[in-house]
Amino acid sequence: MYLLAIKTLETYWEDAEKGGRKSIPHSTFLMECDRVKSDKGYVLHYLKHVG
């Protein structure tokens, strides 16, 4: 599970509306997103990535 920044999503969304790619490449998640894992009893400990 990855935490995708809204700006990145908006960029891909706008490109798709203009006829561009309709998906986000896996490499984007690996290079630009924080990976969210289980931690301290939480199934997805996303709060430490938000801020």
N, C-alpha and C. Protein backbone atom coordinates (compact mmCIF):
# COMPACT_ATOMS: atom_id res chain seq x y z
N MET A 1 0.86 -1.15 0.00
CA MET A 1 0.00 0.00 0.00
C MET A 1 0.91 1.22 0.00
N TYR A 2 0.58 2.19 -0.81
CA TYR A 2 1.37 3.41 -0.92
C TYR A 2 0.50 4.63 -0.68
N LEU A 3 1.10 5.67 -0.12
CA LEU A 3 0.42 6.93 0.10
C LEU A 3 0.78 7.86 -1.05
N LEU A 4 -0.20 8.15 -1.91
CA LEU A 4 0.01 8.95 -3.11
C LEU A 4 -0.39 10.39 -2.83
N ALA A 5 0.51 11.32 -3.13
CA ALA A 5 0.22 12.74 -2.93
C ALA A 5 -0.88 13.18 -3.90
N ILE A 6 -1.76 14.04 -3.42
CA ILE A 6 -2.88 14.50 -4.24
C ILE A 6 -2.39 15.23 -5.48
N LYS A 7 -1.27 15.94 -5.39
CA LYS A 7 -0.72 16.65 -6.55
C LYS A 7 -0.33 15.65 -7.65
N THR A 8 0.25 14.54 -7.27
CA THR A 8 0.63 13.51 -8.24
C THR A 8 -0.62 12.93 -8.89
N LEU A 9 -1.63 12.65 -8.08
CA LEU A 9 -2.89 12.13 -8.61
C LEU A 9 -3.52 13.13 -9.58
N GLU A 10 -3.54 14.40 -9.21
CA GLU A 10 -4.12 15.43 -10.07
C GLU A 10 -3.41 15.50 -11.42
N THR A 11 -2.09 15.39 -11.40
CA THR A 11 -1.32 15.44 -12.64
C THR A 11 -1.72 14.30 -13.58
N TYR A 12 -1.78 13.09 -13.05
CA TYR A 12 -2.16 11.93 -13.87
C TYR A 12 -3.62 12.02 -14.30
N TRP A 13 -4.49 12.53 -13.44
CA TRP A 13 -5.91 12.68 -13.75
C TRP A 13 -6.10 13.64 -14.92
N GLU A 14 -5.43 14.79 -14.85
CA GLU A 14 -5.54 15.80 -15.91
C GLU A 14 -4.99 15.28 -17.23
N ASP A 15 -3.88 14.57 -17.17
CA ASP A 15 -3.31 13.98 -18.39
C ASP A 15 -4.27 12.97 -19.01
N ALA A 16 -4.92 12.16 -18.17
CA ALA A 16 -5.87 11.16 -18.66
C ALA A 16 -7.07 11.83 -19.32
N GLU A 17 -7.54 12.93 -18.74
CA GLU A 17 -8.67 13.64 -19.33
C GLU A 17 -8.34 14.23 -20.70
N LYS A 18 -7.06 14.48 -20.93
CA LYS A 18 -6.60 15.03 -22.22
C LYS A 18 -6.25 13.92 -23.21
N GLY A 19 -6.59 12.68 -22.87
CA GLY A 19 -6.33 11.57 -23.77
C GLY A 19 -5.05 10.81 -23.49
N GLY A 20 -4.38 11.17 -22.42
CA GLY A 20 -3.13 10.50 -22.06
C GLY A 20 -3.34 9.19 -21.35
N ARG A 21 -2.30 8.73 -20.73
CA ARG A 21 -2.29 7.47 -20.01
C ARG A 21 -3.41 7.42 -18.97
N LYS A 22 -4.06 6.26 -18.85
CA LYS A 22 -5.18 6.09 -17.92
C LYS A 22 -4.80 5.38 -16.63
N SER A 23 -3.51 5.17 -16.44
CA SER A 23 -3.05 4.51 -15.22
C SER A 23 -1.77 5.18 -14.73
N ILE A 24 -1.46 4.93 -13.48
CA ILE A 24 -0.24 5.48 -12.88
C ILE A 24 0.81 4.36 -12.88
N PRO A 25 1.98 4.63 -13.46
CA PRO A 25 3.01 3.59 -13.51
C PRO A 25 3.48 3.15 -12.12
N HIS A 26 3.80 1.89 -12.00
CA HIS A 26 4.29 1.35 -10.73
C HIS A 26 5.55 2.09 -10.28
N SER A 27 6.38 2.50 -11.23
CA SER A 27 7.61 3.21 -10.88
C SER A 27 7.34 4.52 -10.15
N THR A 28 6.21 5.15 -10.44
CA THR A 28 5.82 6.38 -9.73
C THR A 28 5.61 6.09 -8.26
N PHE A 29 4.94 5.00 -7.97
CA PHE A 29 4.72 4.63 -6.57
C PHE A 29 6.04 4.33 -5.86
N LEU A 30 6.94 3.66 -6.55
CA LEU A 30 8.22 3.30 -5.94
C LEU A 30 9.09 4.52 -5.68
N MET A 31 9.06 5.50 -6.59
CA MET A 31 9.97 6.64 -6.48
C MET A 31 9.37 7.84 -5.74
N GLU A 32 8.05 8.03 -5.80
CA GLU A 32 7.45 9.26 -5.29
C GLU A 32 6.54 9.09 -4.08
N CYS A 33 6.22 7.86 -3.72
CA CYS A 33 5.24 7.63 -2.66
C CYS A 33 5.88 6.96 -1.44
N ASP A 34 5.24 7.19 -0.29
CA ASP A 34 5.65 6.49 0.93
C ASP A 34 4.92 5.15 0.99
N ARG A 35 5.65 4.11 1.31
CA ARG A 35 5.02 2.80 1.49
C ARG A 35 4.45 2.73 2.91
N VAL A 36 3.22 2.31 3.00
CA VAL A 36 2.53 2.21 4.29
C VAL A 36 2.44 0.73 4.66
N LYS A 37 2.94 0.40 5.86
CA LYS A 37 2.96 -0.98 6.32
C LYS A 37 2.26 -1.09 7.67
N SER A 38 2.05 -2.31 8.10
CA SER A 38 1.53 -2.57 9.44
C SER A 38 2.61 -2.17 10.44
N ASP A 39 2.17 -1.57 11.55
CA ASP A 39 3.13 -1.15 12.56
C ASP A 39 2.39 -0.89 13.87
N LYS A 40 2.97 -1.28 14.96
CA LYS A 40 2.44 -1.00 16.29
C LYS A 40 0.97 -1.41 16.46
N GLY A 41 0.60 -2.52 15.84
CA GLY A 41 -0.75 -3.02 15.99
C GLY A 41 -1.76 -2.43 15.02
N TYR A 42 -1.36 -1.46 14.22
CA TYR A 42 -2.26 -0.88 13.23
C TYR A 42 -2.14 -1.66 11.92
N VAL A 43 -3.27 -1.93 11.28
CA VAL A 43 -3.24 -2.64 10.01
C VAL A 43 -2.48 -1.81 8.98
N LEU A 44 -2.84 -0.54 8.84
CA LEU A 44 -2.11 0.40 7.99
C LEU A 44 -1.77 1.62 8.82
N HIS A 45 -0.51 1.78 9.15
CA HIS A 45 -0.09 2.89 10.01
C HIS A 45 0.28 4.08 9.13
N TYR A 46 -0.77 4.74 8.57
CA TYR A 46 -0.57 5.83 7.61
C TYR A 46 -0.32 7.17 8.28
N LEU A 47 -0.71 7.35 9.52
CA LEU A 47 -0.63 8.67 10.15
C LEU A 47 0.80 9.19 10.27
N LYS A 48 1.77 8.31 10.39
CA LYS A 48 3.16 8.79 10.49
C LYS A 48 3.65 9.34 9.15
N HIS A 49 2.92 9.11 8.06
CA HIS A 49 3.29 9.63 6.75
C HIS A 49 2.54 10.91 6.38
N VAL A 50 1.54 11.24 7.18
CA VAL A 50 0.72 12.42 6.90
C VAL A 50 1.23 13.57 7.75
N GLY A 51 1.36 14.72 7.14
CA GLY A 51 1.78 15.81 7.99
C GLY A 51 2.32 16.92 7.28
